[in-house]
Amino acid sequence: MITRLNNAIGTPYDAVDYHCYSFIEDMIPEAPRLSEVHEMTARSDMVRYVGLFSKCDVVVDGCIVTMGDSHVGIYHSGYVYHNSKQDGVIAQPLRTIKMLYSQLAYYQVKPHHKS
């Protein structure tokens, strides 16, 4: 996974075709599709989307990180990889993410979920 994440760095953000949710789907093929829960707003999507995952008490490599109420990324080796509107796909240290976002939560794909 780390090679795929690193290779994605610099991929441009696209609000329709390659946003933070589609980045998750691209990097974690077994992740549920946002289309399964898509609503009108990112906030509504987030609430329904994370319900398709199992919450983790601690951060682990490959887990999905929710940042605030509408942004998601992937944690690996001390970094959160996410698709930023300003910079495209970037990797930032978890400590930086904790300073930028007041609410973080960690999730893993539910073992029984099939895409």
N, C-alpha and C. Protein backbone atom coordinates (compact mmCIF):
# COMPACT_ATOMS: atom_id res chain seq x y z
N MET A 1 0.81 -1.20 0.00
CA MET A 1 0.00 0.00 0.00
C MET A 1 0.86 1.26 0.00
N ILE A 2 1.96 1.26 0.73
CA ILE A 2 2.78 2.46 0.85
C ILE A 2 3.29 2.92 -0.51
N THR A 3 3.62 2.01 -1.39
CA THR A 3 4.09 2.38 -2.73
C THR A 3 2.97 3.07 -3.50
N ARG A 4 1.77 2.52 -3.43
CA ARG A 4 0.63 3.13 -4.12
C ARG A 4 0.35 4.53 -3.57
N LEU A 5 0.41 4.67 -2.25
CA LEU A 5 0.19 5.98 -1.63
C LEU A 5 1.23 6.99 -2.10
N ASN A 6 2.49 6.59 -2.04
CA ASN A 6 3.56 7.50 -2.46
C ASN A 6 3.47 7.86 -3.94
N ASN A 7 3.09 6.89 -4.77
CA ASN A 7 2.95 7.16 -6.20
C ASN A 7 1.80 8.12 -6.49
N ALA A 8 0.82 8.18 -5.59
CA ALA A 8 -0.33 9.07 -5.80
C ALA A 8 -0.03 10.52 -5.45
N ILE A 9 1.03 10.77 -4.70
CA ILE A 9 1.35 12.14 -4.29
C ILE A 9 1.47 13.02 -5.52
N GLY A 10 0.79 14.16 -5.45
CA GLY A 10 0.80 15.11 -6.56
C GLY A 10 -0.36 14.95 -7.53
N THR A 11 -1.12 13.86 -7.42
CA THR A 11 -2.28 13.70 -8.28
C THR A 11 -3.25 14.84 -7.98
N PRO A 12 -3.68 15.56 -9.00
CA PRO A 12 -4.53 16.73 -8.76
C PRO A 12 -5.91 16.38 -8.21
N TYR A 13 -6.42 17.27 -7.39
CA TYR A 13 -7.78 17.20 -6.86
C TYR A 13 -8.75 17.56 -7.97
N ASP A 14 -9.88 16.86 -8.03
CA ASP A 14 -10.95 17.20 -8.95
C ASP A 14 -12.26 17.00 -8.20
N ALA A 15 -13.04 18.03 -8.05
CA ALA A 15 -14.26 17.98 -7.23
C ALA A 15 -15.26 16.94 -7.70
N VAL A 16 -15.23 16.60 -8.98
CA VAL A 16 -16.17 15.62 -9.52
C VAL A 16 -15.55 14.23 -9.61
N ASP A 17 -14.35 14.14 -10.15
CA ASP A 17 -13.78 12.84 -10.47
C ASP A 17 -12.70 12.32 -9.53
N TYR A 18 -12.04 13.19 -8.75
CA TYR A 18 -10.99 12.69 -7.87
C TYR A 18 -10.86 13.58 -6.63
N HIS A 19 -11.76 13.35 -5.69
CA HIS A 19 -11.79 14.09 -4.44
C HIS A 19 -11.30 13.18 -3.33
N CYS A 20 -11.45 13.57 -2.08
CA CYS A 20 -10.89 12.77 -0.99
C CYS A 20 -11.56 11.40 -0.86
N TYR A 21 -12.86 11.32 -1.13
CA TYR A 21 -13.53 10.02 -1.05
C TYR A 21 -13.06 9.09 -2.17
N SER A 22 -12.94 9.62 -3.38
CA SER A 22 -12.49 8.76 -4.48
C SER A 22 -11.04 8.35 -4.31
N PHE A 23 -10.24 9.17 -3.63
CA PHE A 23 -8.87 8.78 -3.29
C PHE A 23 -8.88 7.54 -2.39
N ILE A 24 -9.77 7.51 -1.40
CA ILE A 24 -9.90 6.33 -0.53
C ILE A 24 -10.27 5.12 -1.36
N GLU A 25 -11.26 5.26 -2.22
CA GLU A 25 -11.71 4.15 -3.06
C GLU A 25 -10.60 3.66 -3.98
N ASP A 26 -9.77 4.56 -4.47
CA ASP A 26 -8.68 4.21 -5.36
C ASP A 26 -7.57 3.46 -4.62
N MET A 27 -7.26 3.89 -3.42
CA MET A 27 -6.16 3.30 -2.66
C MET A 27 -6.56 2.03 -1.91
N ILE A 28 -7.83 1.93 -1.53
CA ILE A 28 -8.31 0.77 -0.77
C ILE A 28 -9.48 0.16 -1.54
N PRO A 29 -9.18 -0.72 -2.49
CA PRO A 29 -10.23 -1.26 -3.36
C PRO A 29 -11.38 -1.94 -2.61
N GLU A 30 -11.11 -2.51 -1.44
CA GLU A 30 -12.17 -3.17 -0.70
C GLU A 30 -13.02 -2.21 0.13
N ALA A 31 -12.69 -0.92 0.10
CA ALA A 31 -13.48 0.09 0.83
C ALA A 31 -14.85 0.24 0.18
N PRO A 32 -15.86 0.53 0.98
CA PRO A 32 -17.18 0.80 0.40
C PRO A 32 -17.13 2.00 -0.53
N ARG A 33 -17.98 1.99 -1.50
CA ARG A 33 -18.06 3.09 -2.46
C ARG A 33 -18.90 4.22 -1.87
N LEU A 34 -18.46 5.44 -2.05
CA LEU A 34 -19.23 6.59 -1.59
C LEU A 34 -20.62 6.59 -2.23
N SER A 35 -20.71 6.08 -3.45
CA SER A 35 -22.00 6.05 -4.14
C SER A 35 -23.05 5.25 -3.38
N GLU A 36 -22.62 4.39 -2.45
CA GLU A 36 -23.56 3.62 -1.64
C GLU A 36 -24.31 4.51 -0.65
N VAL A 37 -23.76 5.66 -0.33
CA VAL A 37 -24.36 6.51 0.69
C VAL A 37 -24.49 7.97 0.26
N HIS A 38 -24.13 8.29 -0.98
CA HIS A 38 -24.04 9.69 -1.41
C HIS A 38 -25.34 10.45 -1.20
N GLU A 39 -25.20 11.61 -0.57
CA GLU A 39 -26.32 12.53 -0.38
C GLU A 39 -25.96 13.87 -0.98
N MET A 40 -26.56 14.91 -0.52
CA MET A 40 -26.36 16.23 -1.11
C MET A 40 -25.16 16.99 -0.56
N THR A 41 -24.74 16.69 0.66
CA THR A 41 -23.64 17.46 1.24
C THR A 41 -22.56 16.54 1.77
N ALA A 42 -21.34 17.02 1.81
CA ALA A 42 -20.23 16.24 2.34
C ALA A 42 -20.48 15.87 3.80
N ARG A 43 -21.07 16.77 4.58
CA ARG A 43 -21.33 16.47 5.99
C ARG A 43 -22.29 15.28 6.12
N SER A 44 -23.37 15.28 5.35
CA SER A 44 -24.31 14.16 5.39
C SER A 44 -23.63 12.88 4.91
N ASP A 45 -22.81 12.99 3.86
CA ASP A 45 -22.10 11.82 3.34
C ASP A 45 -21.19 11.24 4.41
N MET A 46 -20.46 12.08 5.12
CA MET A 46 -19.50 11.60 6.13
C MET A 46 -20.21 10.76 7.19
N VAL A 47 -21.30 11.23 7.70
CA VAL A 47 -22.02 10.51 8.74
C VAL A 47 -22.43 9.13 8.25
N ARG A 48 -22.95 9.05 7.06
CA ARG A 48 -23.38 7.76 6.51
C ARG A 48 -22.19 6.91 6.07
N TYR A 49 -21.17 7.55 5.51
CA TYR A 49 -20.01 6.83 4.99
C TYR A 49 -19.26 6.10 6.10
N VAL A 50 -18.97 6.77 7.21
CA VAL A 50 -18.20 6.12 8.26
C VAL A 50 -18.98 4.98 8.90
N GLY A 51 -20.29 4.97 8.76
CA GLY A 51 -21.09 3.86 9.25
C GLY A 51 -20.80 2.55 8.53
N LEU A 52 -20.15 2.63 7.38
CA LEU A 52 -19.79 1.43 6.62
C LEU A 52 -18.45 0.83 7.07
N PHE A 53 -17.80 1.49 8.03
CA PHE A 53 -16.49 1.08 8.52
C PHE A 53 -16.57 0.69 10.00
N SER A 54 -15.52 0.04 10.49
CA SER A 54 -15.40 -0.27 11.92
C SER A 54 -14.47 0.77 12.53
N LYS A 55 -14.92 1.39 13.62
CA LYS A 55 -14.09 2.41 14.28
C LYS A 55 -12.92 1.74 14.99
N CYS A 56 -11.74 2.36 14.91
CA CYS A 56 -10.53 1.88 15.60
C CYS A 56 -10.30 2.76 16.82
N ASP A 57 -9.86 2.17 17.89
CA ASP A 57 -9.52 2.95 19.08
C ASP A 57 -8.16 3.61 18.93
N VAL A 58 -7.30 3.00 18.14
CA VAL A 58 -5.95 3.54 17.91
C VAL A 58 -5.69 3.58 16.41
N VAL A 59 -4.80 4.46 16.02
CA VAL A 59 -4.45 4.58 14.61
C VAL A 59 -3.53 3.42 14.21
N VAL A 60 -3.82 2.80 13.06
CA VAL A 60 -3.02 1.70 12.54
C VAL A 60 -2.77 1.93 11.05
N ASP A 61 -1.66 1.41 10.53
CA ASP A 61 -1.35 1.56 9.11
C ASP A 61 -2.52 1.08 8.25
N GLY A 62 -2.88 1.90 7.28
CA GLY A 62 -3.94 1.55 6.35
C GLY A 62 -5.33 1.95 6.79
N CYS A 63 -5.44 2.55 7.98
CA CYS A 63 -6.78 2.94 8.43
C CYS A 63 -7.19 4.26 7.78
N ILE A 64 -8.49 4.47 7.73
CA ILE A 64 -9.06 5.68 7.19
C ILE A 64 -9.15 6.70 8.32
N VAL A 65 -8.75 7.91 8.04
CA VAL A 65 -8.77 8.99 9.03
C VAL A 65 -9.83 9.99 8.60
N THR A 66 -10.78 10.26 9.49
CA THR A 66 -11.72 11.34 9.21
C THR A 66 -11.19 12.59 9.87
N MET A 67 -11.25 13.68 9.13
CA MET A 67 -10.73 14.97 9.60
C MET A 67 -11.86 15.97 9.54
N GLY A 68 -12.30 16.42 10.71
CA GLY A 68 -13.45 17.31 10.75
C GLY A 68 -14.69 16.54 10.34
N ASP A 69 -15.62 17.24 9.70
CA ASP A 69 -16.88 16.57 9.36
C ASP A 69 -17.07 16.33 7.86
N SER A 70 -16.00 16.52 7.06
CA SER A 70 -16.20 16.27 5.63
C SER A 70 -14.95 15.83 4.87
N HIS A 71 -13.84 15.56 5.55
CA HIS A 71 -12.60 15.22 4.84
C HIS A 71 -12.06 13.89 5.34
N VAL A 72 -11.51 13.08 4.43
CA VAL A 72 -10.97 11.78 4.78
C VAL A 72 -9.59 11.57 4.15
N GLY A 73 -8.79 10.72 4.80
CA GLY A 73 -7.48 10.36 4.29
C GLY A 73 -7.12 8.97 4.77
N ILE A 74 -5.88 8.57 4.53
CA ILE A 74 -5.39 7.25 4.91
C ILE A 74 -4.11 7.43 5.73
N TYR A 75 -4.04 6.75 6.86
CA TYR A 75 -2.85 6.80 7.70
C TYR A 75 -1.89 5.70 7.29
N HIS A 76 -0.61 6.04 7.23
CA HIS A 76 0.43 5.02 7.03
C HIS A 76 1.77 5.58 7.49
N SER A 77 2.43 4.83 8.34
CA SER A 77 3.81 5.12 8.77
C SER A 77 4.01 6.54 9.30
N GLY A 78 3.06 7.00 10.10
CA GLY A 78 3.19 8.31 10.72
C GLY A 78 2.64 9.46 9.91
N TYR A 79 2.13 9.18 8.71
CA TYR A 79 1.62 10.23 7.83
C TYR A 79 0.16 9.98 7.49
N VAL A 80 -0.55 11.07 7.20
CA VAL A 80 -1.90 10.97 6.66
C VAL A 80 -1.83 11.44 5.21
N TYR A 81 -2.20 10.54 4.32
CA TYR A 81 -2.26 10.83 2.89
C TYR A 81 -3.69 11.25 2.60
N HIS A 82 -3.84 12.39 1.96
CA HIS A 82 -5.19 12.85 1.64
C HIS A 82 -5.16 13.73 0.41
N ASN A 83 -6.33 13.89 -0.19
CA ASN A 83 -6.45 14.67 -1.42
C ASN A 83 -6.96 16.06 -1.06
N SER A 84 -6.05 16.99 -1.07
CA SER A 84 -6.31 18.37 -0.69
C SER A 84 -6.76 19.20 -1.89
N LYS A 85 -7.78 20.02 -1.69
CA LYS A 85 -8.26 20.89 -2.78
C LYS A 85 -7.13 21.77 -3.31
N GLN A 86 -6.29 22.25 -2.41
CA GLN A 86 -5.23 23.17 -2.81
C GLN A 86 -4.03 22.47 -3.46
N ASP A 87 -3.64 21.30 -2.94
CA ASP A 87 -2.38 20.68 -3.34
C ASP A 87 -2.51 19.34 -4.03
N GLY A 88 -3.70 18.80 -4.19
CA GLY A 88 -3.85 17.43 -4.68
C GLY A 88 -3.45 16.46 -3.59
N VAL A 89 -3.06 15.27 -3.97
CA VAL A 89 -2.70 14.25 -2.97
C VAL A 89 -1.39 14.64 -2.30
N ILE A 90 -1.42 14.69 -0.98
CA ILE A 90 -0.24 15.03 -0.17
C ILE A 90 -0.14 14.07 1.00
N ALA A 91 1.02 14.03 1.61
CA ALA A 91 1.24 13.25 2.85
C ALA A 91 1.71 14.24 3.90
N GLN A 92 1.00 14.27 5.02
CA GLN A 92 1.36 15.16 6.12
C GLN A 92 1.52 14.34 7.39
N PRO A 93 2.48 14.70 8.23
CA PRO A 93 2.64 13.99 9.50
C PRO A 93 1.35 14.05 10.31
N LEU A 94 1.05 12.97 11.01
CA LEU A 94 -0.15 12.92 11.84
C LEU A 94 -0.17 14.08 12.83
N ARG A 95 0.98 14.45 13.38
CA ARG A 95 1.00 15.56 14.35
C ARG A 95 0.56 16.87 13.69
N THR A 96 0.86 17.06 12.42
CA THR A 96 0.40 18.25 11.70
C THR A 96 -1.10 18.20 11.49
N ILE A 97 -1.60 17.04 11.10
CA ILE A 97 -3.05 16.87 10.91
C ILE A 97 -3.78 17.16 12.21
N LYS A 98 -3.23 16.71 13.33
CA LYS A 98 -3.86 16.97 14.63
C LYS A 98 -3.92 18.46 14.94
N MET A 99 -2.97 19.25 14.43
CA MET A 99 -3.00 20.70 14.63
C MET A 99 -4.00 21.38 13.69
N LEU A 100 -4.21 20.81 12.51
CA LEU A 100 -5.07 21.41 11.51
C LEU A 100 -6.56 21.09 11.70
N TYR A 101 -6.84 19.94 12.28
CA TYR A 101 -8.22 19.48 12.43
C TYR A 101 -8.51 19.17 13.89
N SER A 102 -9.61 19.72 14.38
CA SER A 102 -9.94 19.51 15.80
C SER A 102 -10.55 18.13 16.07
N GLN A 103 -11.15 17.54 15.07
CA GLN A 103 -11.78 16.23 15.25
C GLN A 103 -11.15 15.21 14.31
N LEU A 104 -10.56 14.17 14.89
CA LEU A 104 -10.02 13.06 14.11
C LEU A 104 -10.64 11.77 14.62
N ALA A 105 -10.88 10.84 13.72
CA ALA A 105 -11.32 9.50 14.09
C ALA A 105 -10.70 8.53 13.09
N TYR A 106 -10.58 7.26 13.51
CA TYR A 106 -9.89 6.25 12.70
C TYR A 106 -10.83 5.07 12.46
N TYR A 107 -10.81 4.56 11.23
CA TYR A 107 -11.72 3.49 10.82
C TYR A 107 -11.00 2.48 9.95
N GLN A 108 -11.51 1.25 9.98
CA GLN A 108 -11.04 0.20 9.08
C GLN A 108 -12.23 -0.37 8.32
N VAL A 109 -11.94 -0.94 7.16
CA VAL A 109 -12.98 -1.59 6.38
C VAL A 109 -13.52 -2.76 7.18
N LYS A 110 -14.83 -2.89 7.23
CA LYS A 110 -15.45 -4.02 7.93
C LYS A 110 -15.12 -5.30 7.15
N PRO A 111 -14.69 -6.35 7.86
CA PRO A 111 -14.27 -7.58 7.17
C PRO A 111 -15.34 -8.18 6.27
N HIS A 112 -16.60 -8.04 6.61
CA HIS A 112 -17.66 -8.67 5.83
C HIS A 112 -18.13 -7.83 4.65
N HIS A 113 -17.62 -6.60 4.52
CA HIS A 113 -18.08 -5.72 3.44
C HIS A 113 -17.51 -6.19 2.11
N LYS A 114 -18.37 -6.25 1.11
CA LYS A 114 -17.95 -6.59 -0.25
C LYS A 114 -18.32 -5.43 -1.15
N SER A 115 -17.37 -5.00 -2.01
CA SER A 115 -17.64 -3.87 -2.91
C SER A 115 -18.45 -4.33 -4.10
